[in-house]
Amino acid sequence: MHWVLLSIGILTELGGSTCMKLSNGFTNLYASVLTFVFWGISFSVFIFALKHFDLSFAYAIWAGLGILLVSIMGMTYFKEPVSMLKIISIFIIVIGVVLLNMSEFIQNQS
């Protein structure tokens, strides 16, 4: 259940970030309101997920996967430029998240 909470936190963070872009500097009321709704849900669910995870581990997963998903959203939906450096940088973040998962798993096995 705690992984579900963390996943919901990450996905609603993606929704909040996307709506932030769509709000066009708070000129789009619908997207502006949804920004606060999604971010509120994201932080609330993340707080409950922290009951089961170390802060450093959970925040790295939340932020790292959030960066990955927001980057993909930006490149595909908002047609942001794609460069090899951007792809490599995102890949390094994903590797860091995977290594954190591995270290948490190994630590729990001890």
PDB file of N, CA and C in Angstrom:
ATOM      1  N   MET A   1       0.813  -1.199   0.000  1.00  0.00           N
ATOM      2  CA  MET A   1       0.000   0.000   0.000  1.00  0.00           C
ATOM      3  C   MET A   1       0.857   1.263   0.000  1.00  0.00           C
ATOM      4  N   HIS A   2       2.012   1.207   0.703  1.00  0.00           N
ATOM      5  CA  HIS A   2       2.848   2.403   0.766  1.00  0.00           C
ATOM      6  C   HIS A   2       3.445   2.749  -0.592  1.00  0.00           C
ATOM      7  N   TRP A   3       3.695   1.734  -1.437  1.00  0.00           N
ATOM      8  CA  TRP A   3       4.189   2.018  -2.788  1.00  0.00           C
ATOM      9  C   TRP A   3       3.093   2.654  -3.638  1.00  0.00           C
ATOM     10  N   VAL A   4       1.853   2.252  -3.397  1.00  0.00           N
ATOM     11  CA  VAL A   4       0.723   2.852  -4.107  1.00  0.00           C
ATOM     12  C   VAL A   4       0.619   4.333  -3.729  1.00  0.00           C
ATOM     13  N   LEU A   5       0.759   4.639  -2.432  1.00  0.00           N
ATOM     14  CA  LEU A   5       0.713   6.028  -1.983  1.00  0.00           C
ATOM     15  C   LEU A   5       1.815   6.852  -2.637  1.00  0.00           C
ATOM     16  N   LEU A   6       3.021   6.301  -2.658  1.00  0.00           N
ATOM     17  CA  LEU A   6       4.136   7.021  -3.272  1.00  0.00           C
ATOM     18  C   LEU A   6       3.888   7.225  -4.765  1.00  0.00           C
ATOM     19  N   SER A   7       3.349   6.220  -5.430  1.00  0.00           N
ATOM     20  CA  SER A   7       3.039   6.323  -6.861  1.00  0.00           C
ATOM     21  C   SER A   7       1.981   7.389  -7.125  1.00  0.00           C
ATOM     22  N   ILE A   8       0.948   7.429  -6.283  1.00  0.00           N
ATOM     23  CA  ILE A   8      -0.088   8.456  -6.430  1.00  0.00           C
ATOM     24  C   ILE A   8       0.528   9.840  -6.222  1.00  0.00           C
ATOM     25  N   GLY A   9       1.424   9.954  -5.238  1.00  0.00           N
ATOM     26  CA  GLY A   9       2.104  11.220  -5.003  1.00  0.00           C
ATOM     27  C   GLY A   9       2.905  11.675  -6.211  1.00  0.00           C
ATOM     28  N   ILE A  10       3.583  10.742  -6.842  1.00  0.00           N
ATOM     29  CA  ILE A  10       4.399  11.067  -8.016  1.00  0.00           C
ATOM     30  C   ILE A  10       3.507  11.473  -9.194  1.00  0.00           C
ATOM     31  N   LEU A  11       2.441  10.722  -9.431  1.00  0.00           N
ATOM     32  CA  LEU A  11       1.566  11.018 -10.567  1.00  0.00           C
ATOM     33  C   LEU A  11       0.811  12.328 -10.382  1.00  0.00           C
ATOM     34  N   THR A  12       0.396  12.625  -9.150  1.00  0.00           N
ATOM     35  CA  THR A  12      -0.288  13.893  -8.932  1.00  0.00           C
ATOM     36  C   THR A  12       0.693  15.063  -8.970  1.00  0.00           C
ATOM     37  N   GLU A  13       1.954  14.799  -8.643  1.00  0.00           N
ATOM     38  CA  GLU A  13       2.985  15.834  -8.815  1.00  0.00           C
ATOM     39  C   GLU A  13       3.146  16.140 -10.303  1.00  0.00           C
ATOM     40  N   LEU A  14       3.099  15.115 -11.137  1.00  0.00           N
ATOM     41  CA  LEU A  14       3.145  15.303 -12.587  1.00  0.00           C
ATOM     42  C   LEU A  14       1.941  16.135 -13.046  1.00  0.00           C
ATOM     43  N   GLY A  15       0.762  15.817 -12.516  1.00  0.00           N
ATOM     44  CA  GLY A  15      -0.427  16.588 -12.860  1.00  0.00           C
ATOM     45  C   GLY A  15      -0.304  18.044 -12.440  1.00  0.00           C
ATOM     46  N   GLY A  16       0.232  18.274 -11.233  1.00  0.00           N
ATOM     47  CA  GLY A  16       0.413  19.642 -10.756  1.00  0.00           C
ATOM     48  C   GLY A  16       1.409  20.426 -11.588  1.00  0.00           C
ATOM     49  N   SER A  17       2.503  19.784 -11.950  1.00  0.00           N
ATOM     50  CA  SER A  17       3.520  20.455 -12.764  1.00  0.00           C
ATOM     51  C   SER A  17       2.992  20.765 -14.162  1.00  0.00           C
ATOM     52  N   THR A  18       2.244  19.829 -14.722  1.00  0.00           N
ATOM     53  CA  THR A  18       1.669  20.038 -16.044  1.00  0.00           C
ATOM     54  C   THR A  18       0.654  21.183 -16.017  1.00  0.00           C
ATOM     55  N   CYS A  19      -0.196  21.193 -14.996  1.00  0.00           N
ATOM     56  CA  CYS A  19      -1.185  22.271 -14.883  1.00  0.00           C
ATOM     57  C   CYS A  19      -0.515  23.618 -14.620  1.00  0.00           C
ATOM     58  N   MET A  20       0.634  23.589 -13.926  1.00  0.00           N
ATOM     59  CA  MET A  20       1.375  24.831 -13.699  1.00  0.00           C
ATOM     60  C   MET A  20       1.777  25.441 -15.043  1.00  0.00           C
ATOM     61  N   LYS A  21       2.250  24.606 -15.952  1.00  0.00           N
ATOM     62  CA  LYS A  21       2.615  25.079 -17.280  1.00  0.00           C
ATOM     63  C   LYS A  21       1.378  25.565 -18.037  1.00  0.00           C
ATOM     64  N   LEU A  22       0.295  24.793 -17.939  1.00  0.00           N
ATOM     65  CA  LEU A  22      -0.937  25.144 -18.643  1.00  0.00           C
ATOM     66  C   LEU A  22      -1.622  26.382 -18.067  1.00  0.00           C
ATOM     67  N   SER A  23      -1.297  26.746 -16.823  1.00  0.00           N
ATOM     68  CA  SER A  23      -1.936  27.901 -16.188  1.00  0.00           C
ATOM     69  C   SER A  23      -1.526  29.219 -16.839  1.00  0.00           C
ATOM     70  N   ASN A  24      -0.418  29.202 -17.567  1.00  0.00           N
ATOM     71  CA  ASN A  24       0.056  30.376 -18.289  1.00  0.00           C
ATOM     72  C   ASN A  24       0.172  31.588 -17.356  1.00  0.00           C
ATOM     73  N   GLY A  25       0.912  31.367 -16.264  1.00  0.00           N
ATOM     74  CA  GLY A  25       1.123  32.456 -15.311  1.00  0.00           C
ATOM     75  C   GLY A  25      -0.149  32.858 -14.587  1.00  0.00           C
ATOM     76  N   PHE A  26      -0.953  31.867 -14.220  1.00  0.00           N
ATOM     77  CA  PHE A  26      -2.227  32.071 -13.518  1.00  0.00           C
ATOM     78  C   PHE A  26      -3.281  32.807 -14.346  1.00  0.00           C
ATOM     79  N   THR A  27      -3.128  32.831 -15.661  1.00  0.00           N
ATOM     80  CA  THR A  27      -4.158  33.460 -16.496  1.00  0.00           C
ATOM     81  C   THR A  27      -5.250  32.462 -16.893  1.00  0.00           C
ATOM     82  N   ASN A  28      -4.961  31.181 -16.818  1.00  0.00           N
ATOM     83  CA  ASN A  28      -5.956  30.137 -17.082  1.00  0.00           C
ATOM     84  C   ASN A  28      -6.464  29.657 -15.724  1.00  0.00           C
ATOM     85  N   LEU A  29      -7.674  30.052 -15.351  1.00  0.00           N
ATOM     86  CA  LEU A  29      -8.217  29.770 -14.027  1.00  0.00           C
ATOM     87  C   LEU A  29      -8.325  28.274 -13.765  1.00  0.00           C
ATOM     88  N   TYR A  30      -8.847  27.510 -14.718  1.00  0.00           N
ATOM     89  CA  TYR A  30      -9.047  26.069 -14.561  1.00  0.00           C
ATOM     90  C   TYR A  30      -7.717  25.367 -14.259  1.00  0.00           C
ATOM     91  N   ALA A  31      -6.704  25.633 -15.064  1.00  0.00           N
ATOM     92  CA  ALA A  31      -5.392  25.009 -14.858  1.00  0.00           C
ATOM     93  C   ALA A  31      -4.753  25.505 -13.565  1.00  0.00           C
ATOM     94  N   SER A  32      -4.963  26.762 -13.214  1.00  0.00           N
ATOM     95  CA  SER A  32      -4.408  27.317 -11.973  1.00  0.00           C
ATOM     96  C   SER A  32      -4.980  26.620 -10.749  1.00  0.00           C
ATOM     97  N   VAL A  33      -6.296  26.420 -10.742  1.00  0.00           N
ATOM     98  CA  VAL A  33      -6.938  25.732  -9.620  1.00  0.00           C
ATOM     99  C   VAL A  33      -6.456  24.281  -9.554  1.00  0.00           C
ATOM    100  N   LEU A  34      -6.386  23.622 -10.708  1.00  0.00           N
ATOM    101  CA  LEU A  34      -5.920  22.226 -10.729  1.00  0.00           C
ATOM    102  C   LEU A  34      -4.471  22.091 -10.261  1.00  0.00           C
ATOM    103  N   THR A  35      -3.662  23.114 -10.495  1.00  0.00           N
ATOM    104  CA  THR A  35      -2.283  23.090  -9.995  1.00  0.00           C
ATOM    105  C   THR A  35      -2.281  22.896  -8.490  1.00  0.00           C
ATOM    106  N   PHE A  36      -3.059  23.703  -7.790  1.00  0.00           N
ATOM    107  CA  PHE A  36      -3.110  23.608  -6.326  1.00  0.00           C
ATOM    108  C   PHE A  36      -3.758  22.311  -5.848  1.00  0.00           C
ATOM    109  N   VAL A  37      -4.771  21.842  -6.578  1.00  0.00           N
ATOM    110  CA  VAL A  37      -5.428  20.589  -6.208  1.00  0.00           C
ATOM    111  C   VAL A  37      -4.447  19.426  -6.324  1.00  0.00           C
ATOM    112  N   PHE A  38      -3.773  19.318  -7.482  1.00  0.00           N
ATOM    113  CA  PHE A  38      -2.833  18.216  -7.686  1.00  0.00           C
ATOM    114  C   PHE A  38      -1.656  18.281  -6.713  1.00  0.00           C
ATOM    115  N   TRP A  39      -1.089  19.464  -6.513  1.00  0.00           N
ATOM    116  CA  TRP A  39       0.037  19.579  -5.592  1.00  0.00           C
ATOM    117  C   TRP A  39      -0.403  19.286  -4.157  1.00  0.00           C
ATOM    118  N   GLY A  40      -1.604  19.714  -3.789  1.00  0.00           N
ATOM    119  CA  GLY A  40      -2.114  19.417  -2.453  1.00  0.00           C
ATOM    120  C   GLY A  40      -2.276  17.929  -2.230  1.00  0.00           C
ATOM    121  N   ILE A  41      -2.841  17.240  -3.222  1.00  0.00           N
ATOM    122  CA  ILE A  41      -2.982  15.783  -3.138  1.00  0.00           C
ATOM    123  C   ILE A  41      -1.603  15.138  -3.070  1.00  0.00           C
ATOM    124  N   SER A  42      -0.689  15.597  -3.909  1.00  0.00           N
ATOM    125  CA  SER A  42       0.647  15.015  -3.966  1.00  0.00           C
ATOM    126  C   SER A  42       1.357  15.101  -2.614  1.00  0.00           C
ATOM    127  N   PHE A  43       1.365  16.295  -2.025  1.00  0.00           N
ATOM    128  CA  PHE A  43       2.038  16.459  -0.735  1.00  0.00           C
ATOM    129  C   PHE A  43       1.324  15.676   0.361  1.00  0.00           C
ATOM    130  N   SER A  44       0.005  15.661   0.342  1.00  0.00           N
ATOM    131  CA  SER A  44      -0.743  14.940   1.372  1.00  0.00           C
ATOM    132  C   SER A  44      -0.466  13.444   1.314  1.00  0.00           C
ATOM    133  N   VAL A  45      -0.524  12.881   0.128  1.00  0.00           N
ATOM    134  CA  VAL A  45      -0.274  11.452  -0.027  1.00  0.00           C
ATOM    135  C   VAL A  45       1.186  11.126   0.302  1.00  0.00           C
ATOM    136  N   PHE A  46       2.089  12.015  -0.082  1.00  0.00           N
ATOM    137  CA  PHE A  46       3.508  11.810   0.214  1.00  0.00           C
ATOM    138  C   PHE A  46       3.743  11.754   1.729  1.00  0.00           C
ATOM    139  N   ILE A  47       3.037  12.589   2.475  1.00  0.00           N
ATOM    140  CA  ILE A  47       3.173  12.577   3.937  1.00  0.00           C
ATOM    141  C   ILE A  47       2.778  11.213   4.495  1.00  0.00           C
ATOM    142  N   PHE A  48       1.691  10.634   3.982  1.00  0.00           N
ATOM    143  CA  PHE A  48       1.286   9.306   4.447  1.00  0.00           C
ATOM    144  C   PHE A  48       2.287   8.235   4.023  1.00  0.00           C
ATOM    145  N   ALA A  49       2.861   8.379   2.843  1.00  0.00           N
ATOM    146  CA  ALA A  49       3.872   7.413   2.388  1.00  0.00           C
ATOM    147  C   ALA A  49       5.114   7.458   3.274  1.00  0.00           C
ATOM    148  N   LEU A  50       5.417   8.630   3.827  1.00  0.00           N
ATOM    149  CA  LEU A  50       6.605   8.768   4.679  1.00  0.00           C
ATOM    150  C   LEU A  50       6.498   7.980   5.982  1.00  0.00           C
ATOM    151  N   LYS A  51       5.297   7.524   6.325  1.00  0.00           N
ATOM    152  CA  LYS A  51       5.154   6.669   7.503  1.00  0.00           C
ATOM    153  C   LYS A  51       5.862   5.333   7.293  1.00  0.00           C
ATOM    154  N   HIS A  52       6.100   4.970   6.033  1.00  0.00           N
ATOM    155  CA  HIS A  52       6.650   3.655   5.702  1.00  0.00           C
ATOM    156  C   HIS A  52       8.036   3.710   5.063  1.00  0.00           C
ATOM    157  N   PHE A  53       8.506   4.903   4.717  1.00  0.00           N
ATOM    158  CA  PHE A  53       9.793   5.050   4.035  1.00  0.00           C
ATOM    159  C   PHE A  53      10.670   6.036   4.792  1.00  0.00           C
ATOM    160  N   ASP A  54      11.978   5.890   4.641  1.00  0.00           N
ATOM    161  CA  ASP A  54      12.905   6.926   5.096  1.00  0.00           C
ATOM    162  C   ASP A  54      12.721   8.150   4.212  1.00  0.00           C
ATOM    163  N   LEU A  55      12.844   9.324   4.795  1.00  0.00           N
ATOM    164  CA  LEU A  55      12.650  10.567   4.044  1.00  0.00           C
ATOM    165  C   LEU A  55      13.597  10.654   2.854  1.00  0.00           C
ATOM    166  N   SER A  56      14.884  10.368   3.078  1.00  0.00           N
ATOM    167  CA  SER A  56      15.861  10.506   1.992  1.00  0.00           C
ATOM    168  C   SER A  56      15.539   9.574   0.828  1.00  0.00           C
ATOM    169  N   PHE A  57      15.092   8.378   1.132  1.00  0.00           N
ATOM    170  CA  PHE A  57      14.745   7.412   0.098  1.00  0.00           C
ATOM    171  C   PHE A  57      13.483   7.844  -0.648  1.00  0.00           C
ATOM    172  N   ALA A  58      12.416   8.143   0.094  1.00  0.00           N
ATOM    173  CA  ALA A  58      11.133   8.476  -0.524  1.00  0.00           C
ATOM    174  C   ALA A  58      11.217   9.762  -1.341  1.00  0.00           C
ATOM    175  N   TYR A  59      11.916  10.761  -0.815  1.00  0.00           N
ATOM    176  CA  TYR A  59      12.001  12.023  -1.537  1.00  0.00           C
ATOM    177  C   TYR A  59      12.808  11.860  -2.825  1.00  0.00           C
ATOM    178  N   ALA A  60      13.858  11.067  -2.776  1.00  0.00           N
ATOM    179  CA  ALA A  60      14.647  10.829  -3.993  1.00  0.00           C
ATOM    180  C   ALA A  60      13.805  10.130  -5.056  1.00  0.00           C
ATOM    181  N   ILE A  61      13.003   9.163  -4.646  1.00  0.00           N
ATOM    182  CA  ILE A  61      12.126   8.461  -5.592  1.00  0.00           C
ATOM    183  C   ILE A  61      11.088   9.439  -6.142  1.00  0.00           C
ATOM    184  N   TRP A  62      10.442  10.191  -5.238  1.00  0.00           N
ATOM    185  CA  TRP A  62       9.387  11.128  -5.618  1.00  0.00           C
ATOM    186  C   TRP A  62       9.923  12.195  -6.578  1.00  0.00           C
ATOM    187  N   ALA A  63      11.053  12.784  -6.212  1.00  0.00           N
ATOM    188  CA  ALA A  63      11.622  13.851  -7.040  1.00  0.00           C
ATOM    189  C   ALA A  63      12.226  13.295  -8.332  1.00  0.00           C
ATOM    190  N   GLY A  64      12.961  12.196  -8.237  1.00  0.00           N
ATOM    191  CA  GLY A  64      13.622  11.624  -9.412  1.00  0.00           C
ATOM    192  C   GLY A  64      12.637  11.163 -10.466  1.00  0.00           C
ATOM    193  N   LEU A  65      11.630  10.408 -10.052  1.00  0.00           N
ATOM    194  CA  LEU A  65      10.640   9.951 -11.031  1.00  0.00           C
ATOM    195  C   LEU A  65       9.773  11.108 -11.505  1.00  0.00           C
ATOM    196  N   GLY A  66       9.548  12.083 -10.624  1.00  0.00           N
ATOM    197  CA  GLY A  66       8.825  13.288 -11.046  1.00  0.00           C
ATOM    198  C   GLY A  66       9.570  14.018 -12.143  1.00  0.00           C
ATOM    199  N   ILE A  67      10.881  14.152 -11.987  1.00  0.00           N
ATOM    200  CA  ILE A  67      11.705  14.803 -13.011  1.00  0.00           C
ATOM    201  C   ILE A  67      11.635  14.026 -14.323  1.00  0.00           C
ATOM    202  N   LEU A  68      11.738  12.711 -14.229  1.00  0.00           N
ATOM    203  CA  LEU A  68      11.670  11.878 -15.436  1.00  0.00           C
ATOM    204  C   LEU A  68      10.335  12.079 -16.153  1.00  0.00           C
ATOM    205  N   LEU A  69       9.240  11.976 -15.414  1.00  0.00           N
ATOM    206  CA  LEU A  69       7.921  12.082 -16.035  1.00  0.00           C
ATOM    207  C   LEU A  69       7.636  13.485 -16.564  1.00  0.00           C
ATOM    208  N   VAL A  70       8.032  14.505 -15.805  1.00  0.00           N
ATOM    209  CA  VAL A  70       7.825  15.880 -16.268  1.00  0.00           C
ATOM    210  C   VAL A  70       8.669  16.156 -17.515  1.00  0.00           C
ATOM    211  N   SER A  71       9.867  15.624 -17.559  1.00  0.00           N
ATOM    212  CA  SER A  71      10.723  15.801 -18.734  1.00  0.00           C
ATOM    213  C   SER A  71      10.106  15.152 -19.963  1.00  0.00           C
ATOM    214  N   ILE A  72       9.591  13.938 -19.785  1.00  0.00           N
ATOM    215  CA  ILE A  72       8.941  13.248 -20.897  1.00  0.00           C
ATOM    216  C   ILE A  72       7.704  14.026 -21.345  1.00  0.00           C
ATOM    217  N   MET A  73       6.920  14.509 -20.374  1.00  0.00           N
ATOM    218  CA  MET A  73       5.730  15.303 -20.698  1.00  0.00           C
ATOM    219  C   MET A  73       6.125  16.565 -21.465  1.00  0.00           C
ATOM    220  N   GLY A  74       7.152  17.242 -21.001  1.00  0.00           N
ATOM    221  CA  GLY A  74       7.597  18.471 -21.663  1.00  0.00           C
ATOM    222  C   GLY A  74       8.061  18.225 -23.092  1.00  0.00           C
ATOM    223  N   MET A  75       8.817  17.151 -23.275  1.00  0.00           N
ATOM    224  CA  MET A  75       9.343  16.869 -24.613  1.00  0.00           C
ATOM    225  C   MET A  75       8.265  16.391 -25.570  1.00  0.00           C
ATOM    226  N   THR A  76       7.280  15.638 -25.075  1.00  0.00           N
ATOM    227  CA  THR A  76       6.272  15.093 -25.977  1.00  0.00           C
ATOM    228  C   THR A  76       5.070  16.022 -26.140  1.00  0.00           C
ATOM    229  N   TYR A  77       4.509  16.496 -25.038  1.00  0.00           N
ATOM    230  CA  TYR A  77       3.285  17.285 -25.103  1.00  0.00           C
ATOM    231  C   TYR A  77       3.549  18.763 -25.391  1.00  0.00           C
ATOM    232  N   PHE A  78       4.575  19.330 -24.751  1.00  0.00           N
ATOM    233  CA  PHE A  78       4.864  20.752 -24.930  1.00  0.00           C
ATOM    234  C   PHE A  78       5.934  21.005 -25.990  1.00  0.00           C
ATOM    235  N   LYS A  79       6.407  19.951 -26.643  1.00  0.00           N
ATOM    236  CA  LYS A  79       7.377  20.040 -27.742  1.00  0.00           C
ATOM    237  C   LYS A  79       8.653  20.789 -27.325  1.00  0.00           C
ATOM    238  N   GLU A  80       9.102  20.533 -26.068  1.00  0.00           N
ATOM    239  CA  GLU A  80      10.355  21.131 -25.610  1.00  0.00           C
ATOM    240  C   GLU A  80      11.516  20.473 -26.351  1.00  0.00           C
ATOM    241  N   PRO A  81      12.611  21.188 -26.521  1.00  0.00           N
ATOM    242  CA  PRO A  81      13.733  20.628 -27.273  1.00  0.00           C
ATOM    243  C   PRO A  81      14.324  19.393 -26.580  1.00  0.00           C
ATOM    244  N   VAL A  82      14.740  18.471 -27.426  1.00  0.00           N
ATOM    245  CA  VAL A  82      15.379  17.244 -26.953  1.00  0.00           C
ATOM    246  C   VAL A  82      16.831  17.276 -27.403  1.00  0.00           C
ATOM    247  N   SER A  83      17.730  17.040 -26.469  1.00  0.00           N
ATOM    248  CA  SER A  83      19.149  16.973 -26.818  1.00  0.00           C
ATOM    249  C   SER A  83      19.747  15.723 -26.184  1.00  0.00           C
ATOM    250  N   MET A  84      20.890  15.332 -26.685  1.00  0.00           N
ATOM    251  CA  MET A  84      21.568  14.170 -26.140  1.00  0.00           C
ATOM    252  C   MET A  84      21.947  14.420 -24.683  1.00  0.00           C
ATOM    253  N   LEU A  85      22.378  15.642 -24.366  1.00  0.00           N
ATOM    254  CA  LEU A  85      22.737  15.969 -22.986  1.00  0.00           C
ATOM    255  C   LEU A  85      21.528  15.838 -22.061  1.00  0.00           C
ATOM    256  N   LYS A  86      20.367  16.272 -22.511  1.00  0.00           N
ATOM    257  CA  LYS A  86      19.145  16.159 -21.702  1.00  0.00           C
ATOM    258  C   LYS A  86      18.799  14.694 -21.461  1.00  0.00           C
ATOM    259  N   ILE A  87      18.882  13.875 -22.497  1.00  0.00           N
ATOM    260  CA  ILE A  87      18.565  12.450 -22.370  1.00  0.00           C
ATOM    261  C   ILE A  87      19.550  11.761 -21.434  1.00  0.00           C
ATOM    262  N   ILE A  88      20.841  12.054 -21.575  1.00  0.00           N
ATOM    263  CA  ILE A  88      21.850  11.465 -20.699  1.00  0.00           C
ATOM    264  C   ILE A  88      21.627  11.899 -19.253  1.00  0.00           C
ATOM    265  N   SER A  89      21.302  13.157 -19.043  1.00  0.00           N
ATOM    266  CA  SER A  89      21.065  13.665 -17.689  1.00  0.00           C
ATOM    267  C   SER A  89      19.872  12.970 -17.040  1.00  0.00           C
ATOM    268  N   ILE A  90      18.806  12.792 -17.784  1.00  0.00           N
ATOM    269  CA  ILE A  90      17.625  12.096 -17.266  1.00  0.00           C
ATOM    270  C   ILE A  90      17.972  10.640 -16.970  1.00  0.00           C
ATOM    271  N   PHE A  91      18.747  10.021 -17.835  1.00  0.00           N
ATOM    272  CA  PHE A  91      19.177   8.637 -17.631  1.00  0.00           C
ATOM    273  C   PHE A  91      19.990   8.508 -16.337  1.00  0.00           C
ATOM    274  N   ILE A  92      20.850   9.465 -16.057  1.00  0.00           N
ATOM    275  CA  ILE A  92      21.644   9.444 -14.825  1.00  0.00           C
ATOM    276  C   ILE A  92      20.730   9.540 -13.599  1.00  0.00           C
ATOM    277  N   ILE A  93      19.688  10.364 -13.681  1.00  0.00           N
ATOM    278  CA  ILE A  93      18.729  10.468 -12.578  1.00  0.00           C
ATOM    279  C   ILE A  93      18.033   9.123 -12.360  1.00  0.00           C
ATOM    280  N   VAL A  94      17.619   8.472 -13.445  1.00  0.00           N
ATOM    281  CA  VAL A  94      16.956   7.167 -13.341  1.00  0.00           C
ATOM    282  C   VAL A  94      17.897   6.145 -12.721  1.00  0.00           C
ATOM    283  N   ILE A  95      19.160   6.145 -13.118  1.00  0.00           N
ATOM    284  CA  ILE A  95      20.138   5.228 -12.523  1.00  0.00           C
ATOM    285  C   ILE A  95      20.245   5.483 -11.023  1.00  0.00           C
ATOM    286  N   GLY A  96      20.275   6.737 -10.610  1.00  0.00           N
ATOM    287  CA  GLY A  96      20.337   7.072  -9.195  1.00  0.00           C
ATOM    288  C   GLY A  96      19.131   6.541  -8.437  1.00  0.00           C
ATOM    289  N   VAL A  97      17.946   6.669  -9.013  1.00  0.00           N
ATOM    290  CA  VAL A  97      16.730   6.160  -8.371  1.00  0.00           C
ATOM    291  C   VAL A  97      16.784   4.640  -8.253  1.00  0.00           C
ATOM    292  N   VAL A  98      17.230   3.973  -9.296  1.00  0.00           N
ATOM    293  CA  VAL A  98      17.346   2.509  -9.263  1.00  0.00           C
ATOM    294  C   VAL A  98      18.343   2.079  -8.190  1.00  0.00           C
ATOM    295  N   LEU A  99      19.490   2.759  -8.109  1.00  0.00           N
ATOM    296  CA  LEU A  99      20.483   2.413  -7.095  1.00  0.00           C
ATOM    297  C   LEU A  99      19.946   2.647  -5.687  1.00  0.00           C
ATOM    298  N   LEU A 100      19.177   3.703  -5.492  1.00  0.00           N
ATOM    299  CA  LEU A 100      18.555   3.925  -4.183  1.00  0.00           C
ATOM    300  C   LEU A 100      17.592   2.798  -3.842  1.00  0.00           C
ATOM    301  N   ASN A 101      16.817   2.361  -4.817  1.00  0.00           N
ATOM    302  CA  ASN A 101      15.913   1.234  -4.588  1.00  0.00           C
ATOM    303  C   ASN A 101      16.680  -0.016  -4.209  1.00  0.00           C
ATOM    304  N   MET A 102      17.776  -0.257  -4.903  1.00  0.00           N
ATOM    305  CA  MET A 102      18.595  -1.430  -4.606  1.00  0.00           C
ATOM    306  C   MET A 102      19.186  -1.339  -3.207  1.00  0.00           C
ATOM    307  N   SER A 103      19.665  -0.168  -2.827  1.00  0.00           N
ATOM    308  CA  SER A 103      20.267  -0.033  -1.500  1.00  0.00           C
ATOM    309  C   SER A 103      19.222  -0.211  -0.409  1.00  0.00           C
ATOM    310  N   GLU A 104      18.010   0.275  -0.617  1.00  0.00           N
ATOM    311  CA  GLU A 104      16.925   0.091   0.350  1.00  0.00           C
ATOM    312  C   GLU A 104      16.567  -1.389   0.465  1.00  0.00           C
ATOM    313  N   PHE A 105      16.498  -2.070  -0.677  1.00  0.00           N
ATOM    314  CA  PHE A 105      16.179  -3.498  -0.674  1.00  0.00           C
ATOM    315  C   PHE A 105      17.249  -4.300   0.051  1.00  0.00           C
ATOM    316  N   ILE A 106      18.519  -4.014  -0.246  1.00  0.00           N
ATOM    317  CA  ILE A 106      19.640  -4.737   0.384  1.00  0.00           C
ATOM    318  C   ILE A 106      19.647  -4.456   1.881  1.00  0.00           C
ATOM    319  N   GLN A 107      19.402  -3.233   2.284  1.00  0.00           N
ATOM    320  CA  GLN A 107      19.401  -2.869   3.696  1.00  0.00           C
ATOM    321  C   GLN A 107      18.279  -3.609   4.428  1.00  0.00           C
ATOM    322  N   ASN A 108      17.128  -3.751   3.807  1.00  0.00           N
ATOM    323  CA  ASN A 108      16.009  -4.448   4.439  1.00  0.00           C
ATOM    324  C   ASN A 108      16.231  -5.948   4.532  1.00  0.00           C
ATOM    325  N   GLN A 109      17.104  -6.478   3.687  1.00  0.00           N
ATOM    326  CA  GLN A 109      17.400  -7.917   3.708  1.00  0.00           C
ATOM    327  C   GLN A 109      18.348  -8.269   4.862  1.00  0.00           C
ATOM    328  N   SER A 110      19.076  -7.290   5.344  1.00  0.00           N
ATOM    329  CA  SER A 110      20.051  -7.549   6.424  1.00  0.00           C
ATOM    330  C   SER A 110      19.374  -7.704   7.758  1.00  0.00           C
TER     331      SER A 110
END
